[in-house]
Amino acid sequence: MFRHAVQTGRALRDPCVDLRGALPATVVKHIAAFTEPKEIAELLRAIDGFTGSFTVQCALRLSPLVFTRPSELRTAKWADIDLEANEWRYKVSKTKTMHLVPLSTQAAKLFADMKALSGHGEFVFQGGHDPKKPMSAAAINAALKRMGYDTQQDITAHGFRAMARTILHERLNIDPYIIEHQLAHKVPDALGAAYNRTKFIEQRTAMMQAWADYLDELKAGAKVLPFQGKSA
């Protein structure tokens, strides 16, 4: 603005140059997440051994499988989940647009287990003190801390998204474009428009099942082969 003002005769000089170096650069802090298979395998085994409430147990086990935003998982509603079609459709909290999560057989089973407990209510993961409210926003991170993880350095509830994004691309050879769609990120299409969140359903469904199977094999200590399904 000041350079334009100088060029158009509205100012004599640009005073902004006097501030160069005066303000410290912003330090970017990445969300804590595991991205090495060995660390992920240990985490998954630790989750299986978690002895908290059944509600938190299921939410923990679903976190890596669906890798939605933590707020979207904890506020999941039964009205949005179709266990016959193995689909979860909900409104994305950041963009207020509809999103589809294809459920792997492992994820669908966990939702079915929860239905026996909370299926009569609105929320899948009910609050411990008030079943009419969703589970606490701090529940997953509190569980991770109880398991001995540092949510600032090791893994946080939001870190399951970064974990999935990294491993799906680097280890399972999934097209990043497909991954970004499943993460409900704003991905422009060839015309520059925001993507339709119901696109690539077949590829995303295959990806979510391959991801769940990969996690099971990691947890069991089996040798995991690269994903060979569709990636575009």
Protein backbone atom coordinates (compact mmCIF):
# COMPACT_ATOMS: atom_id res chain seq x y z
CA MET A 1 0.00 0.00 0.00
CA PHE A 2 2.77 2.45 0.92
CA ARG A 3 4.77 1.63 -2.21
CA HIS A 4 1.68 2.38 -4.26
CA ALA A 5 1.22 5.61 -2.29
CA VAL A 6 4.81 6.69 -3.07
CA GLN A 7 4.38 5.86 -6.75
CA THR A 8 1.16 7.86 -6.99
CA GLY A 9 2.45 10.85 -5.02
CA ARG A 10 0.33 10.21 -1.94
CA ALA A 11 3.33 9.57 0.38
CA LEU A 12 7.01 10.54 0.42
CA ARG A 13 8.40 7.19 1.57
CA ASP A 14 7.48 3.65 2.68
CA PRO A 15 7.85 3.53 6.51
CA CYS A 16 7.39 -0.25 6.55
CA VAL A 17 11.08 -0.82 5.77
CA ASP A 18 11.89 0.50 9.26
CA LEU A 19 10.16 -2.56 10.74
CA ARG A 20 12.17 -5.18 8.90
CA GLY A 21 13.59 -7.61 11.46
CA ALA A 22 11.74 -5.92 14.31
CA LEU A 23 9.08 -8.61 14.57
CA PRO A 24 10.02 -12.26 15.23
CA ALA A 25 9.05 -14.73 12.51
CA THR A 26 6.05 -16.94 13.24
CA VAL A 27 7.06 -20.41 14.38
CA VAL A 28 4.94 -23.08 12.73
CA LYS A 29 4.12 -25.91 15.13
CA HIS A 30 3.01 -29.14 13.52
CA ILE A 31 0.33 -31.30 15.10
CA ALA A 32 1.80 -34.23 17.03
CA ALA A 33 1.38 -37.43 15.03
CA PHE A 34 3.09 -40.76 14.43
CA THR A 35 4.11 -41.42 10.83
CA GLU A 36 6.35 -44.47 11.22
CA PRO A 37 4.71 -47.94 10.98
CA LYS A 38 6.49 -49.25 14.08
CA GLU A 39 5.23 -46.34 16.21
CA ILE A 40 1.73 -46.73 14.79
CA ALA A 41 1.69 -50.46 15.53
CA GLU A 42 2.65 -49.78 19.17
CA LEU A 43 -0.04 -47.10 19.42
CA LEU A 44 -2.72 -49.42 18.04
CA ARG A 45 -1.78 -52.14 20.51
CA ALA A 46 -1.85 -49.60 23.33
CA ILE A 47 -5.34 -48.48 22.23
CA ASP A 48 -6.53 -52.08 22.32
CA GLY A 49 -5.23 -52.32 25.87
CA PHE A 50 -6.93 -49.12 27.06
CA THR A 51 -9.14 -49.80 30.09
CA GLY A 52 -11.29 -46.68 30.18
CA SER A 53 -15.02 -46.50 29.51
CA PHE A 54 -16.45 -48.47 26.59
CA THR A 55 -17.48 -45.22 24.91
CA VAL A 56 -13.96 -43.81 24.95
CA GLN A 57 -12.52 -47.21 23.95
CA CYS A 58 -14.64 -47.25 20.80
CA ALA A 59 -13.93 -43.60 20.00
CA LEU A 60 -10.20 -44.28 20.35
CA ARG A 61 -10.34 -47.30 18.06
CA LEU A 62 -12.37 -45.40 15.48
CA SER A 63 -10.07 -42.37 15.47
CA PRO A 64 -7.38 -43.91 13.23
CA LEU A 65 -9.92 -45.79 11.11
CA VAL A 66 -12.03 -42.81 10.03
CA PHE A 67 -9.50 -39.98 10.64
CA THR A 68 -12.19 -37.30 10.77
CA ARG A 69 -11.72 -34.14 12.79
CA PRO A 70 -11.98 -34.99 16.50
CA SER A 71 -14.96 -32.68 16.95
CA GLU A 72 -16.81 -34.47 14.15
CA LEU A 73 -16.18 -37.90 15.63
CA ARG A 74 -17.20 -37.04 19.17
CA THR A 75 -20.41 -35.34 17.97
CA ALA A 76 -21.34 -38.11 15.50
CA LYS A 77 -25.10 -38.68 15.40
CA TRP A 78 -26.94 -41.92 14.76
CA ALA A 79 -29.19 -40.15 12.27
CA ASP A 80 -26.14 -39.66 10.03
CA ILE A 81 -24.89 -43.25 10.12
CA ASP A 82 -26.18 -45.98 7.81
CA LEU A 83 -24.87 -49.34 8.95
CA GLU A 84 -26.60 -51.15 6.11
CA ALA A 85 -24.72 -49.12 3.50
CA ASN A 86 -21.64 -48.72 5.74
CA GLU A 87 -21.70 -44.96 5.31
CA TRP A 88 -21.48 -41.96 7.58
CA ARG A 89 -22.73 -38.68 6.13
CA TYR A 90 -22.45 -35.45 8.08
CA LYS A 91 -21.92 -31.73 7.74
CA VAL A 92 -18.26 -30.71 7.88
CA SER A 93 -17.72 -28.39 10.84
CA LYS A 94 -15.32 -26.01 9.04
CA THR A 95 -17.12 -25.58 5.72
CA LYS A 96 -20.72 -26.47 6.64
CA THR A 97 -20.94 -28.75 3.60
CA MET A 98 -21.91 -32.42 3.45
CA HIS A 99 -19.23 -35.10 3.60
CA LEU A 100 -19.26 -38.88 3.19
CA VAL A 101 -17.12 -41.33 5.14
CA PRO A 102 -17.23 -44.88 3.71
CA LEU A 103 -16.99 -47.24 6.69
CA SER A 104 -14.63 -50.19 6.56
CA THR A 105 -15.95 -53.43 8.02
CA GLN A 106 -13.82 -52.75 11.11
CA ALA A 107 -15.26 -49.26 11.57
CA ALA A 108 -18.82 -50.43 10.93
CA LYS A 109 -18.43 -53.12 13.61
CA LEU A 110 -17.32 -50.54 16.17
CA PHE A 111 -20.32 -48.36 15.36
CA ALA A 112 -22.57 -51.42 15.65
CA ASP A 113 -21.05 -52.17 19.07
CA MET A 114 -21.79 -48.61 20.15
CA LYS A 115 -25.36 -48.80 18.85
CA ALA A 116 -26.18 -51.38 21.50
CA LEU A 117 -25.12 -48.84 24.12
CA SER A 118 -26.23 -45.47 22.75
CA GLY A 119 -28.46 -46.26 19.77
CA HIS A 120 -31.54 -45.00 21.62
CA GLY A 121 -30.06 -41.50 21.88
CA GLU A 122 -28.93 -38.77 19.49
CA PHE A 123 -25.16 -39.05 19.85
CA VAL A 124 -23.02 -42.10 19.22
CA PHE A 125 -20.56 -41.10 21.93
CA GLN A 126 -22.61 -39.81 24.82
CA GLY A 127 -21.27 -37.63 27.59
CA GLY A 128 -20.37 -39.38 30.82
CA HIS A 129 -22.49 -37.06 32.94
CA ASP A 130 -25.27 -36.23 30.50
CA PRO A 131 -26.24 -38.75 27.77
CA LYS A 132 -28.09 -35.99 25.92
CA LYS A 133 -24.75 -34.32 25.21
CA PRO A 134 -21.78 -35.65 23.21
CA MET A 135 -18.58 -36.95 24.72
CA SER A 136 -16.19 -34.36 26.13
CA ALA A 137 -13.85 -32.64 23.69
CA ALA A 138 -10.95 -33.60 25.96
CA ALA A 139 -11.80 -37.30 26.21
CA ILE A 140 -9.54 -38.68 23.47
CA ASN A 141 -6.51 -36.62 24.45
CA ALA A 142 -7.08 -37.51 28.11
CA ALA A 143 -7.14 -41.20 27.14
CA LEU A 144 -3.91 -40.84 25.16
CA LYS A 145 -2.27 -39.20 28.16
CA ARG A 146 -3.46 -42.05 30.41
CA MET A 147 -1.79 -44.43 27.99
CA GLY A 148 1.48 -42.56 28.50
CA TYR A 149 1.57 -40.44 25.35
CA ASP A 150 2.55 -36.78 25.27
CA THR A 151 -0.16 -35.03 23.25
CA GLN A 152 2.23 -32.16 22.51
CA GLN A 153 5.09 -34.29 21.21
CA ASP A 154 3.81 -37.82 20.41
CA ILE A 155 0.22 -38.05 19.21
CA THR A 156 -2.92 -35.97 19.64
CA ALA A 157 -6.53 -36.60 18.70
CA HIS A 158 -6.12 -34.46 15.59
CA GLY A 159 -2.87 -36.24 14.74
CA PHE A 160 -4.69 -39.31 13.44
CA ARG A 161 -5.47 -37.24 10.33
CA ALA A 162 -1.82 -36.43 9.65
CA MET A 163 -0.93 -40.05 10.37
CA ALA A 164 -3.43 -41.33 7.79
CA ARG A 165 -2.49 -38.70 5.20
CA THR A 166 1.19 -39.62 5.40
CA ILE A 167 0.92 -43.41 5.48
CA LEU A 168 -1.82 -43.66 2.85
CA HIS A 169 0.41 -41.87 0.36
CA GLU A 170 3.86 -43.09 1.35
CA ARG A 171 3.09 -46.72 2.19
CA LEU A 172 -0.15 -47.57 0.42
CA ASN A 173 0.52 -45.51 -2.71
CA ILE A 174 -2.84 -43.72 -2.67
CA ASP A 175 -3.25 -40.66 -4.88
CA PRO A 176 -3.01 -37.56 -2.61
CA TYR A 177 -6.00 -36.09 -4.43
CA ILE A 178 -8.17 -38.99 -3.20
CA ILE A 179 -6.78 -38.67 0.32
CA GLU A 180 -7.52 -34.95 0.44
CA HIS A 181 -11.09 -35.63 -0.60
CA GLN A 182 -11.49 -38.09 2.24
CA LEU A 183 -9.97 -35.63 4.71
CA ALA A 184 -12.73 -33.18 3.69
CA HIS A 185 -10.17 -30.62 2.61
CA LYS A 186 -11.02 -28.04 -0.01
CA VAL A 187 -9.57 -29.44 -3.20
CA PRO A 188 -10.18 -27.47 -6.43
CA ASP A 189 -11.10 -29.37 -9.55
CA ALA A 190 -9.78 -28.70 -13.05
CA LEU A 191 -12.03 -25.65 -13.33
CA GLY A 192 -10.90 -24.23 -9.98
CA ALA A 193 -14.14 -24.98 -8.16
CA ALA A 194 -14.32 -26.58 -4.72
CA TYR A 195 -14.71 -30.32 -5.04
CA ASN A 196 -17.90 -32.30 -4.62
CA ARG A 197 -17.52 -34.35 -1.47
CA THR A 198 -19.40 -37.27 -2.98
CA LYS A 199 -16.79 -37.74 -5.73
CA PHE A 200 -14.46 -40.75 -5.96
CA ILE A 201 -16.71 -42.86 -3.75
CA GLU A 202 -15.55 -46.15 -5.25
CA GLN A 203 -11.88 -45.26 -4.81
CA ARG A 204 -12.40 -43.86 -1.33
CA THR A 205 -14.37 -46.92 -0.23
CA ALA A 206 -11.56 -49.20 -1.41
CA MET A 207 -9.01 -46.94 0.26
CA MET A 208 -10.77 -46.95 3.63
CA GLN A 209 -10.99 -50.74 3.67
CA ALA A 210 -7.36 -51.10 2.60
CA TRP A 211 -6.38 -48.64 5.34
CA ALA A 212 -8.27 -50.57 8.03
CA ASP A 213 -6.72 -53.85 6.86
CA TYR A 214 -3.27 -52.25 6.83
CA LEU A 215 -3.72 -51.08 10.43
CA ASP A 216 -4.81 -54.57 11.49
CA GLU A 217 -1.73 -56.08 9.87
CA LEU A 218 0.52 -53.48 11.47
CA LYS A 219 -0.97 -54.23 14.86
CA ALA A 220 -0.50 -57.96 14.36
CA GLY A 221 3.09 -57.45 13.30
CA ALA A 222 2.49 -58.88 9.81
CA LYS A 223 4.42 -57.81 6.75
CA VAL A 224 2.31 -55.22 4.95
CA LEU A 225 2.36 -55.02 1.16
CA PRO A 226 1.67 -51.78 -0.76
CA PHE A 227 -1.94 -51.17 -1.71
CA GLN A 228 -2.65 -52.36 -5.28
CA GLY A 229 -6.18 -51.05 -5.77
CA LYS A 230 -7.42 -48.01 -7.67
CA SER A 231 -5.77 -44.74 -6.78
CA ALA A 232 -7.41 -42.37 -9.23
